[in-house]
Amino acid sequence: QPFGVTGDQFGAAEECQLDEDDMLIPIIVGAALAGLVLI
């Protein structure tokens, strides 16, 4: 965080696309398994 620092703590994080893609996998798998159980 190079601008707008308050105190000595990071502000809320904006995550990169790589992190978002990494989180997408368990969400898709979980949703698919839940749908399978329901059907």
PDB file of all heavy atoms in Angstrom:
ATOM      1  N   GLN A   1       0.860  -1.188   0.000  1.00  0.00           N
ATOM      2  CA  GLN A   1       0.000   0.000   0.000  1.00  0.00           C
ATOM      3  C   GLN A   1       0.895   1.237   0.000  1.00  0.00           C
ATOM      4  O   GLN A   1       1.459   1.607   1.028  1.00  0.00           O
ATOM      5  CB  GLN A   1      -0.935   0.022   1.213  1.00  0.00           C
ATOM      6  CG  GLN A   1      -1.933   1.186   1.174  1.00  0.00           C
ATOM      7  CD  GLN A   1      -2.968   1.112   2.279  1.00  0.00           C
ATOM      8  OE1 GLN A   1      -3.101   0.103   2.954  1.00  0.00           O
ATOM      9  NE2 GLN A   1      -3.711   2.186   2.473  1.00  0.00           N
ATOM     10  N   PRO A   2       1.036   1.886  -1.162  1.00  0.00           N
ATOM     11  CA  PRO A   2       1.935   3.037  -1.259  1.00  0.00           C
ATOM     12  C   PRO A   2       1.282   4.387  -0.972  1.00  0.00           C
ATOM     13  O   PRO A   2       1.984   5.393  -0.867  1.00  0.00           O
ATOM     14  CB  PRO A   2       2.403   2.960  -2.710  1.00  0.00           C
ATOM     15  CG  PRO A   2       1.239   2.358  -3.439  1.00  0.00           C
ATOM     16  CD  PRO A   2       0.555   1.441  -2.467  1.00  0.00           C
ATOM     17  N   PHE A   3      -0.045   4.423  -0.855  1.00  0.00           N
ATOM     18  CA  PHE A   3      -0.754   5.686  -0.621  1.00  0.00           C
ATOM     19  C   PHE A   3      -1.926   5.450   0.340  1.00  0.00           C
ATOM     20  O   PHE A   3      -2.476   4.357   0.415  1.00  0.00           O
ATOM     21  CB  PHE A   3      -1.291   6.256  -1.946  1.00  0.00           C
ATOM     22  CG  PHE A   3      -0.243   6.543  -2.976  1.00  0.00           C
ATOM     23  CD1 PHE A   3       0.002   5.633  -3.996  1.00  0.00           C
ATOM     24  CD2 PHE A   3       0.504   7.702  -2.916  1.00  0.00           C
ATOM     25  CE1 PHE A   3       0.964   5.884  -4.962  1.00  0.00           C
ATOM     26  CE2 PHE A   3       1.484   7.966  -3.871  1.00  0.00           C
ATOM     27  CZ  PHE A   3       1.723   7.053  -4.890  1.00  0.00           C
ATOM     28  N   GLY A   4      -2.286   6.497   1.065  1.00  0.00           N
ATOM     29  CA  GLY A   4      -3.467   6.432   1.930  1.00  0.00           C
ATOM     30  C   GLY A   4      -3.312   5.498   3.111  1.00  0.00           C
ATOM     31  O   GLY A   4      -4.303   4.902   3.555  1.00  0.00           O
ATOM     32  N   VAL A   5      -2.102   5.373   3.636  1.00  0.00           N
ATOM     33  CA  VAL A   5      -1.873   4.505   4.801  1.00  0.00           C
ATOM     34  C   VAL A   5      -2.358   5.212   6.061  1.00  0.00           C
ATOM     35  O   VAL A   5      -2.069   6.388   6.284  1.00  0.00           O
ATOM     36  CB  VAL A   5      -0.379   4.146   4.941  1.00  0.00           C
ATOM     37  CG1 VAL A   5      -0.147   3.281   6.180  1.00  0.00           C
ATOM     38  CG2 VAL A   5       0.112   3.433   3.690  1.00  0.00           C
ATOM     39  N   THR A   6      -3.090   4.489   6.895  1.00  0.00           N
ATOM     40  CA  THR A   6      -3.554   5.014   8.182  1.00  0.00           C
ATOM     41  C   THR A   6      -2.847   4.263   9.296  1.00  0.00           C
ATOM     42  O   THR A   6      -3.016   3.049   9.428  1.00  0.00           O
ATOM     43  CB  THR A   6      -5.077   4.859   8.330  1.00  0.00           C
ATOM     44  OG1 THR A   6      -5.735   5.549   7.254  1.00  0.00           O
ATOM     45  CG2 THR A   6      -5.544   5.433   9.657  1.00  0.00           C
ATOM     46  N   GLY A   7      -2.047   4.978  10.084  1.00  0.00           N
ATOM     47  CA  GLY A   7      -1.275   4.321  11.136  1.00  0.00           C
ATOM     48  C   GLY A   7      -0.195   3.456  10.534  1.00  0.00           C
ATOM     49  O   GLY A   7       0.493   3.855   9.589  1.00  0.00           O
ATOM     50  N   ASP A   8      -0.047   2.233  11.035  1.00  0.00           N
ATOM     51  CA  ASP A   8       0.958   1.304  10.500  1.00  0.00           C
ATOM     52  C   ASP A   8       0.305  -0.009  10.065  1.00  0.00           C
ATOM     53  O   ASP A   8       0.947  -1.061  10.068  1.00  0.00           O
ATOM     54  CB  ASP A   8       2.056   1.035  11.530  1.00  0.00           C
ATOM     55  CG  ASP A   8       1.503   0.452  12.826  1.00  0.00           C
ATOM     56  OD1 ASP A   8       0.268   0.348  12.960  1.00  0.00           O
ATOM     57  OD2 ASP A   8       2.309   0.103  13.706  1.00  0.00           O
ATOM     58  N   GLN A   9      -0.981   0.053   9.662  1.00  0.00           N
ATOM     59  CA  GLN A   9      -1.710  -1.125   9.251  1.00  0.00           C
ATOM     60  C   GLN A   9      -2.184  -0.985   7.807  1.00  0.00           C
ATOM     61  O   GLN A   9      -2.521   0.107   7.350  1.00  0.00           O
ATOM     62  CB  GLN A   9      -2.929  -1.374  10.152  1.00  0.00           C
ATOM     63  CG  GLN A   9      -2.585  -1.566  11.619  1.00  0.00           C
ATOM     64  CD  GLN A   9      -1.800  -2.844  11.868  1.00  0.00           C
ATOM     65  OE1 GLN A   9      -2.038  -3.855  11.217  1.00  0.00           O
ATOM     66  NE2 GLN A   9      -0.855  -2.792  12.797  1.00  0.00           N
ATOM     67  N   PHE A  10      -2.211  -2.115   7.095  1.00  0.00           N
ATOM     68  CA  PHE A  10      -2.736  -2.114   5.735  1.00  0.00           C
ATOM     69  C   PHE A  10      -4.233  -1.796   5.740  1.00  0.00           C
ATOM     70  O   PHE A  10      -4.964  -2.169   6.656  1.00  0.00           O
ATOM     71  CB  PHE A  10      -2.543  -3.485   5.080  1.00  0.00           C
ATOM     72  CG  PHE A  10      -1.123  -3.781   4.684  1.00  0.00           C
ATOM     73  CD1 PHE A  10      -0.363  -4.691   5.412  1.00  0.00           C
ATOM     74  CD2 PHE A  10      -0.548  -3.173   3.582  1.00  0.00           C
ATOM     75  CE1 PHE A  10       0.935  -4.987   5.044  1.00  0.00           C
ATOM     76  CE2 PHE A  10       0.754  -3.455   3.208  1.00  0.00           C
ATOM     77  CZ  PHE A  10       1.497  -4.363   3.937  1.00  0.00           C
ATOM     78  N   GLY A  11      -4.671  -1.133   4.681  1.00  0.00           N
ATOM     79  CA  GLY A  11      -6.094  -0.955   4.474  1.00  0.00           C
ATOM     80  C   GLY A  11      -6.693  -2.241   3.935  1.00  0.00           C
ATOM     81  O   GLY A  11      -6.000  -3.235   3.696  1.00  0.00           O
ATOM     82  N   ALA A  12      -8.001  -2.255   3.736  1.00  0.00           N
ATOM     83  CA  ALA A  12      -8.672  -3.432   3.186  1.00  0.00           C
ATOM     84  C   ALA A  12      -8.015  -3.822   1.872  1.00  0.00           C
ATOM     85  O   ALA A  12      -7.608  -2.966   1.081  1.00  0.00           O
ATOM     86  CB  ALA A  12     -10.158  -3.126   2.968  1.00  0.00           C
ATOM     87  N   ALA A  13      -7.891  -5.128   1.637  1.00  0.00           N
ATOM     88  CA  ALA A  13      -7.133  -5.629   0.498  1.00  0.00           C
ATOM     89  C   ALA A  13      -7.992  -5.792  -0.748  1.00  0.00           C
ATOM     90  O   ALA A  13      -9.128  -6.251  -0.676  1.00  0.00           O
ATOM     91  CB  ALA A  13      -6.475  -6.954   0.849  1.00  0.00           C
ATOM     92  N   GLU A  14      -7.450  -5.403  -1.879  1.00  0.00           N
ATOM     93  CA  GLU A  14      -7.996  -5.711  -3.193  1.00  0.00           C
ATOM     94  C   GLU A  14      -7.136  -6.829  -3.775  1.00  0.00           C
ATOM     95  O   GLU A  14      -5.958  -6.637  -4.034  1.00  0.00           O
ATOM     96  CB  GLU A  14      -7.977  -4.479  -4.100  1.00  0.00           C
ATOM     97  CG  GLU A  14      -8.855  -3.354  -3.591  1.00  0.00           C
ATOM     98  CD  GLU A  14      -8.788  -2.111  -4.469  1.00  0.00           C
ATOM     99  OE1 GLU A  14      -7.765  -1.927  -5.157  1.00  0.00           O
ATOM    100  OE2 GLU A  14      -9.755  -1.327  -4.459  1.00  0.00           O
ATOM    101  N   GLU A  15      -7.738  -7.994  -3.968  1.00  0.00           N
ATOM    102  CA  GLU A  15      -6.964  -9.172  -4.349  1.00  0.00           C
ATOM    103  C   GLU A  15      -6.770  -9.268  -5.861  1.00  0.00           C
ATOM    104  O   GLU A  15      -7.622  -8.829  -6.638  1.00  0.00           O
ATOM    105  CB  GLU A  15      -7.629 -10.440  -3.828  1.00  0.00           C
ATOM    106  CG  GLU A  15      -7.714 -10.477  -2.310  1.00  0.00           C
ATOM    107  CD  GLU A  15      -7.946 -11.888  -1.776  1.00  0.00           C
ATOM    108  OE1 GLU A  15      -7.461 -12.849  -2.399  1.00  0.00           O
ATOM    109  OE2 GLU A  15      -8.612 -12.011  -0.747  1.00  0.00           O
ATOM    110  N   CYS A  16      -5.647  -9.866  -6.238  1.00  0.00           N
ATOM    111  CA  CYS A  16      -5.307 -10.007  -7.649  1.00  0.00           C
ATOM    112  C   CYS A  16      -6.149 -11.105  -8.303  1.00  0.00           C
ATOM    113  O   CYS A  16      -6.777 -11.917  -7.623  1.00  0.00           O
ATOM    114  CB  CYS A  16      -3.816 -10.320  -7.815  1.00  0.00           C
ATOM    115  SG  CYS A  16      -3.321 -11.929  -7.150  1.00  0.00           S
ATOM    116  N   GLN A  17      -6.121 -11.158  -9.623  1.00  0.00           N
ATOM    117  CA  GLN A  17      -6.906 -12.132 -10.373  1.00  0.00           C
ATOM    118  C   GLN A  17      -6.464 -13.556 -10.082  1.00  0.00           C
ATOM    119  O   GLN A  17      -7.279 -14.485 -10.050  1.00  0.00           O
ATOM    120  CB  GLN A  17      -6.792 -11.844 -11.877  1.00  0.00           C
ATOM    121  CG  GLN A  17      -7.696 -12.700 -12.746  1.00  0.00           C
ATOM    122  CD  GLN A  17      -9.170 -12.443 -12.470  1.00  0.00           C
ATOM    123  OE1 GLN A  17      -9.594 -11.291 -12.373  1.00  0.00           O
ATOM    124  NE2 GLN A  17      -9.940 -13.506 -12.338  1.00  0.00           N
ATOM    125  N   LEU A  18      -5.154 -13.757  -9.848  1.00  0.00           N
ATOM    126  CA  LEU A  18      -4.644 -15.098  -9.548  1.00  0.00           C
ATOM    127  C   LEU A  18      -5.279 -15.646  -8.278  1.00  0.00           C
ATOM    128  O   LEU A  18      -5.632 -16.826  -8.207  1.00  0.00           O
ATOM    129  CB  LEU A  18      -3.120 -15.059  -9.401  1.00  0.00           C
ATOM    130  CG  LEU A  18      -2.308 -14.850 -10.683  1.00  0.00           C
ATOM    131  CD1 LEU A  18      -0.827 -14.685 -10.346  1.00  0.00           C
ATOM    132  CD2 LEU A  18      -2.507 -16.006 -11.653  1.00  0.00           C
ATOM    133  N   ASP A  19      -5.414 -14.807  -7.257  1.00  0.00           N
ATOM    134  CA  ASP A  19      -6.044 -15.247  -6.012  1.00  0.00           C
ATOM    135  C   ASP A  19      -7.513 -15.559  -6.220  1.00  0.00           C
ATOM    136  O   ASP A  19      -8.044 -16.529  -5.669  1.00  0.00           O
ATOM    137  CB  ASP A  19      -5.890 -14.173  -4.932  1.00  0.00           C
ATOM    138  CG  ASP A  19      -4.469 -14.091  -4.385  1.00  0.00           C
ATOM    139  OD1 ASP A  19      -3.647 -14.947  -4.759  1.00  0.00           O
ATOM    140  OD2 ASP A  19      -4.187 -13.183  -3.589  1.00  0.00           O
ATOM    141  N   GLU A  20      -8.204 -14.725  -7.004  1.00  0.00           N
ATOM    142  CA  GLU A  20      -9.629 -14.939  -7.254  1.00  0.00           C
ATOM    143  C   GLU A  20      -9.851 -16.246  -8.010  1.00  0.00           C
ATOM    144  O   GLU A  20     -10.786 -16.990  -7.723  1.00  0.00           O
ATOM    145  CB  GLU A  20     -10.202 -13.755  -8.036  1.00  0.00           C
ATOM    146  CG  GLU A  20     -10.226 -12.452  -7.236  1.00  0.00           C
ATOM    147  CD  GLU A  20     -10.761 -11.290  -8.045  1.00  0.00           C
ATOM    148  OE1 GLU A  20     -11.052 -11.496  -9.244  1.00  0.00           O
ATOM    149  OE2 GLU A  20     -10.886 -10.184  -7.503  1.00  0.00           O
ATOM    150  N   ASP A  21      -8.979 -16.540  -8.985  1.00  0.00           N
ATOM    151  CA  ASP A  21      -9.100 -17.794  -9.729  1.00  0.00           C
ATOM    152  C   ASP A  21      -8.849 -18.984  -8.820  1.00  0.00           C
ATOM    153  O   ASP A  21      -9.488 -20.028  -8.941  1.00  0.00           O
ATOM    154  CB  ASP A  21      -8.108 -17.818 -10.893  1.00  0.00           C
ATOM    155  CG  ASP A  21      -8.494 -16.842 -12.000  1.00  0.00           C
ATOM    156  OD1 ASP A  21      -9.660 -16.411 -12.017  1.00  0.00           O
ATOM    157  OD2 ASP A  21      -7.627 -16.519 -12.825  1.00  0.00           O
ATOM    158  N   ASP A  22      -7.913 -18.843  -7.877  1.00  0.00           N
ATOM    159  CA  ASP A  22      -7.590 -19.933  -6.964  1.00  0.00           C
ATOM    160  C   ASP A  22      -8.770 -20.231  -6.031  1.00  0.00           C
ATOM    161  O   ASP A  22      -9.008 -21.378  -5.661  1.00  0.00           O
ATOM    162  CB  ASP A  22      -6.352 -19.557  -6.139  1.00  0.00           C
ATOM    163  CG  ASP A  22      -5.805 -20.735  -5.353  1.00  0.00           C
ATOM    164  OD1 ASP A  22      -5.563 -21.790  -5.959  1.00  0.00           O
ATOM    165  OD2 ASP A  22      -5.634 -20.603  -4.124  1.00  0.00           O
ATOM    166  N   MET A  23      -9.516 -19.194  -5.651  1.00  0.00           N
ATOM    167  CA  MET A  23     -10.678 -19.380  -4.778  1.00  0.00           C
ATOM    168  C   MET A  23     -11.880 -19.918  -5.547  1.00  0.00           C
ATOM    169  O   MET A  23     -12.804 -20.478  -4.960  1.00  0.00           O
ATOM    170  CB  MET A  23     -11.045 -18.039  -4.122  1.00  0.00           C
ATOM    171  CG  MET A  23     -10.000 -17.505  -3.147  1.00  0.00           C
ATOM    172  SD  MET A  23     -10.438 -15.870  -2.517  1.00  0.00           S
ATOM    173  CE  MET A  23     -11.982 -16.230  -1.685  1.00  0.00           C
ATOM    174  N   LEU A  24     -11.864 -19.766  -6.875  1.00  0.00           N
ATOM    175  CA  LEU A  24     -13.006 -20.173  -7.693  1.00  0.00           C
ATOM    176  C   LEU A  24     -13.164 -21.687  -7.745  1.00  0.00           C
ATOM    177  O   LEU A  24     -14.288 -22.203  -7.818  1.00  0.00           O
ATOM    178  CB  LEU A  24     -12.831 -19.613  -9.107  1.00  0.00           C
ATOM    179  CG  LEU A  24     -13.996 -19.801 -10.080  1.00  0.00           C
ATOM    180  CD1 LEU A  24     -15.224 -19.069  -9.567  1.00  0.00           C
ATOM    181  CD2 LEU A  24     -13.610 -19.279 -11.465  1.00  0.00           C
ATOM    182  N   ILE A  25     -12.038 -22.421  -7.697  1.00  0.00           N
ATOM    183  CA  ILE A  25     -12.083 -23.877  -7.826  1.00  0.00           C
ATOM    184  C   ILE A  25     -12.929 -24.530  -6.732  1.00  0.00           C
ATOM    185  O   ILE A  25     -13.862 -25.287  -7.027  1.00  0.00           O
ATOM    186  CB  ILE A  25     -10.669 -24.464  -7.832  1.00  0.00           C
ATOM    187  CG1 ILE A  25      -9.918 -24.011  -9.098  1.00  0.00           C
ATOM    188  CG2 ILE A  25     -10.695 -25.986  -7.770  1.00  0.00           C
ATOM    189  CD1 ILE A  25     -10.547 -24.481 -10.376  1.00  0.00           C
ATOM    190  N   PRO A  26     -12.646 -24.304  -5.422  1.00  0.00           N
ATOM    191  CA  PRO A  26     -13.474 -24.964  -4.407  1.00  0.00           C
ATOM    192  C   PRO A  26     -14.938 -24.547  -4.454  1.00  0.00           C
ATOM    193  O   PRO A  26     -15.828 -25.335  -4.109  1.00  0.00           O
ATOM    194  CB  PRO A  26     -12.820 -24.535  -3.084  1.00  0.00           C
ATOM    195  CG  PRO A  26     -12.003 -23.339  -3.404  1.00  0.00           C
ATOM    196  CD  PRO A  26     -11.552 -23.522  -4.817  1.00  0.00           C
ATOM    197  N   ILE A  27     -15.208 -23.314  -4.899  1.00  0.00           N
ATOM    198  CA  ILE A  27     -16.596 -22.863  -5.002  1.00  0.00           C
ATOM    199  C   ILE A  27     -17.330 -23.662  -6.077  1.00  0.00           C
ATOM    200  O   ILE A  27     -18.451 -24.145  -5.869  1.00  0.00           O
ATOM    201  CB  ILE A  27     -16.653 -21.355  -5.309  1.00  0.00           C
ATOM    202  CG1 ILE A  27     -16.107 -20.550  -4.117  1.00  0.00           C
ATOM    203  CG2 ILE A  27     -18.077 -20.924  -5.632  1.00  0.00           C
ATOM    204  CD1 ILE A  27     -16.016 -19.057  -4.387  1.00  0.00           C
ATOM    205  N   ILE A  28     -16.696 -23.831  -7.246  1.00  0.00           N
ATOM    206  CA  ILE A  28     -17.318 -24.577  -8.341  1.00  0.00           C
ATOM    207  C   ILE A  28     -17.518 -26.036  -7.955  1.00  0.00           C
ATOM    208  O   ILE A  28     -18.586 -26.617  -8.176  1.00  0.00           O
ATOM    209  CB  ILE A  28     -16.461 -24.466  -9.611  1.00  0.00           C
ATOM    210  CG1 ILE A  28     -16.467 -23.029 -10.133  1.00  0.00           C
ATOM    211  CG2 ILE A  28     -16.958 -25.423 -10.688  1.00  0.00           C
ATOM    212  CD1 ILE A  28     -15.587 -22.803 -11.343  1.00  0.00           C
ATOM    213  N   VAL A  29     -16.475 -26.640  -7.353  1.00  0.00           N
ATOM    214  CA  VAL A  29     -16.567 -28.042  -6.963  1.00  0.00           C
ATOM    215  C   VAL A  29     -17.650 -28.245  -5.907  1.00  0.00           C
ATOM    216  O   VAL A  29     -18.460 -29.170  -5.978  1.00  0.00           O
ATOM    217  CB  VAL A  29     -15.204 -28.547  -6.443  1.00  0.00           C
ATOM    218  CG1 VAL A  29     -15.328 -29.959  -5.873  1.00  0.00           C
ATOM    219  CG2 VAL A  29     -14.179 -28.549  -7.565  1.00  0.00           C
ATOM    220  N   GLY A  30     -17.686 -27.356  -4.918  1.00  0.00           N
ATOM    221  CA  GLY A  30     -18.693 -27.466  -3.868  1.00  0.00           C
ATOM    222  C   GLY A  30     -20.102 -27.320  -4.412  1.00  0.00           C
ATOM    223  O   GLY A  30     -21.012 -28.074  -4.035  1.00  0.00           O
ATOM    224  N   ALA A  31     -20.291 -26.350  -5.314  1.00  0.00           N
ATOM    225  CA  ALA A  31     -21.616 -26.145  -5.899  1.00  0.00           C
ATOM    226  C   ALA A  31     -22.033 -27.344  -6.742  1.00  0.00           C
ATOM    227  O   ALA A  31     -23.198 -27.767  -6.721  1.00  0.00           O
ATOM    228  CB  ALA A  31     -21.615 -24.875  -6.746  1.00  0.00           C
ATOM    229  N   ALA A  32     -21.059 -27.909  -7.477  1.00  0.00           N
ATOM    230  CA  ALA A  32     -21.379 -29.065  -8.317  1.00  0.00           C
ATOM    231  C   ALA A  32     -21.764 -30.268  -7.467  1.00  0.00           C
ATOM    232  O   ALA A  32     -22.726 -30.985  -7.774  1.00  0.00           O
ATOM    233  CB  ALA A  32     -20.182 -29.403  -9.212  1.00  0.00           C
ATOM    234  N   LEU A  33     -21.038 -30.509  -6.384  1.00  0.00           N
ATOM    235  CA  LEU A  33     -21.354 -31.641  -5.510  1.00  0.00           C
ATOM    236  C   LEU A  33     -22.705 -31.457  -4.817  1.00  0.00           C
ATOM    237  O   LEU A  33     -23.477 -32.406  -4.668  1.00  0.00           O
ATOM    238  CB  LEU A  33     -20.243 -31.818  -4.479  1.00  0.00           C
ATOM    239  CG  LEU A  33     -18.887 -32.293  -5.028  1.00  0.00           C
ATOM    240  CD1 LEU A  33     -17.850 -32.346  -3.917  1.00  0.00           C
ATOM    241  CD2 LEU A  33     -19.026 -33.654  -5.696  1.00  0.00           C
ATOM    242  N   ALA A  34     -22.968 -30.217  -4.384  1.00  0.00           N
ATOM    243  CA  ALA A  34     -24.259 -29.946  -3.747  1.00  0.00           C
ATOM    244  C   ALA A  34     -25.407 -30.171  -4.732  1.00  0.00           C
ATOM    245  O   ALA A  34     -26.452 -30.739  -4.385  1.00  0.00           O
ATOM    246  CB  ALA A  34     -24.291 -28.515  -3.218  1.00  0.00           C
ATOM    247  N   GLY A  35     -25.204 -29.735  -5.980  1.00  0.00           N
ATOM    248  CA  GLY A  35     -26.228 -29.957  -6.990  1.00  0.00           C
ATOM    249  C   GLY A  35     -26.441 -31.431  -7.275  1.00  0.00           C
ATOM    250  O   GLY A  35     -27.572 -31.887  -7.472  1.00  0.00           O
ATOM    251  N   LEU A  36     -25.336 -32.202  -7.267  1.00  0.00           N
ATOM    252  CA  LEU A  36     -25.441 -33.644  -7.503  1.00  0.00           C
ATOM    253  C   LEU A  36     -26.258 -34.324  -6.404  1.00  0.00           C
ATOM    254  O   LEU A  36     -27.141 -35.146  -6.680  1.00  0.00           O
ATOM    255  CB  LEU A  36     -24.040 -34.250  -7.561  1.00  0.00           C
ATOM    256  CG  LEU A  36     -23.970 -35.780  -7.648  1.00  0.00           C
ATOM    257  CD1 LEU A  36     -24.623 -36.258  -8.932  1.00  0.00           C
ATOM    258  CD2 LEU A  36     -22.532 -36.264  -7.561  1.00  0.00           C
ATOM    259  N   VAL A  37     -25.969 -33.964  -5.154  1.00  0.00           N
ATOM    260  CA  VAL A  37     -26.703 -34.562  -4.033  1.00  0.00           C
ATOM    261  C   VAL A  37     -28.185 -34.233  -4.123  1.00  0.00           C
ATOM    262  O   VAL A  37     -29.051 -35.113  -3.924  1.00  0.00           O
ATOM    263  CB  VAL A  37     -26.121 -34.068  -2.692  1.00  0.00           C
ATOM    264  CG1 VAL A  37     -27.006 -34.501  -1.523  1.00  0.00           C
ATOM    265  CG2 VAL A  37     -24.696 -34.592  -2.497  1.00  0.00           C
ATOM    266  N   LEU A  38     -28.502 -32.984  -4.456  1.00  0.00           N
ATOM    267  CA  LEU A  38     -29.904 -32.572  -4.558  1.00  0.00           C
ATOM    268  C   LEU A  38     -30.636 -33.341  -5.660  1.00  0.00           C
ATOM    269  O   LEU A  38     -31.770 -33.818  -5.466  1.00  0.00           O
ATOM    270  CB  LEU A  38     -29.964 -31.065  -4.820  1.00  0.00           C
ATOM    271  CG  LEU A  38     -31.365 -30.448  -4.925  1.00  0.00           C
ATOM    272  CD1 LEU A  38     -32.132 -30.642  -3.623  1.00  0.00           C
ATOM    273  CD2 LEU A  38     -31.270 -28.970  -5.275  1.00  0.00           C
ATOM    274  N   ILE A  39     -29.989 -33.472  -6.828  1.00  0.00           N
ATOM    275  CA  ILE A  39     -30.630 -34.158  -7.949  1.00  0.00           C
ATOM    276  C   ILE A  39     -30.814 -35.642  -7.644  1.00  0.00           C
ATOM    277  O   ILE A  39     -31.860 -36.237  -7.963  1.00  0.00           O
ATOM    278  CB  ILE A  39     -29.807 -33.956  -9.231  1.00  0.00           C
ATOM    279  CG1 ILE A  39     -29.833 -32.479  -9.636  1.00  0.00           C
ATOM    280  CG2 ILE A  39     -30.339 -34.816 -10.363  1.00  0.00           C
ATOM    281  CD1 ILE A  39     -28.935 -32.147 -10.810  1.00  0.00           C
TER     282      ILE A  39
END
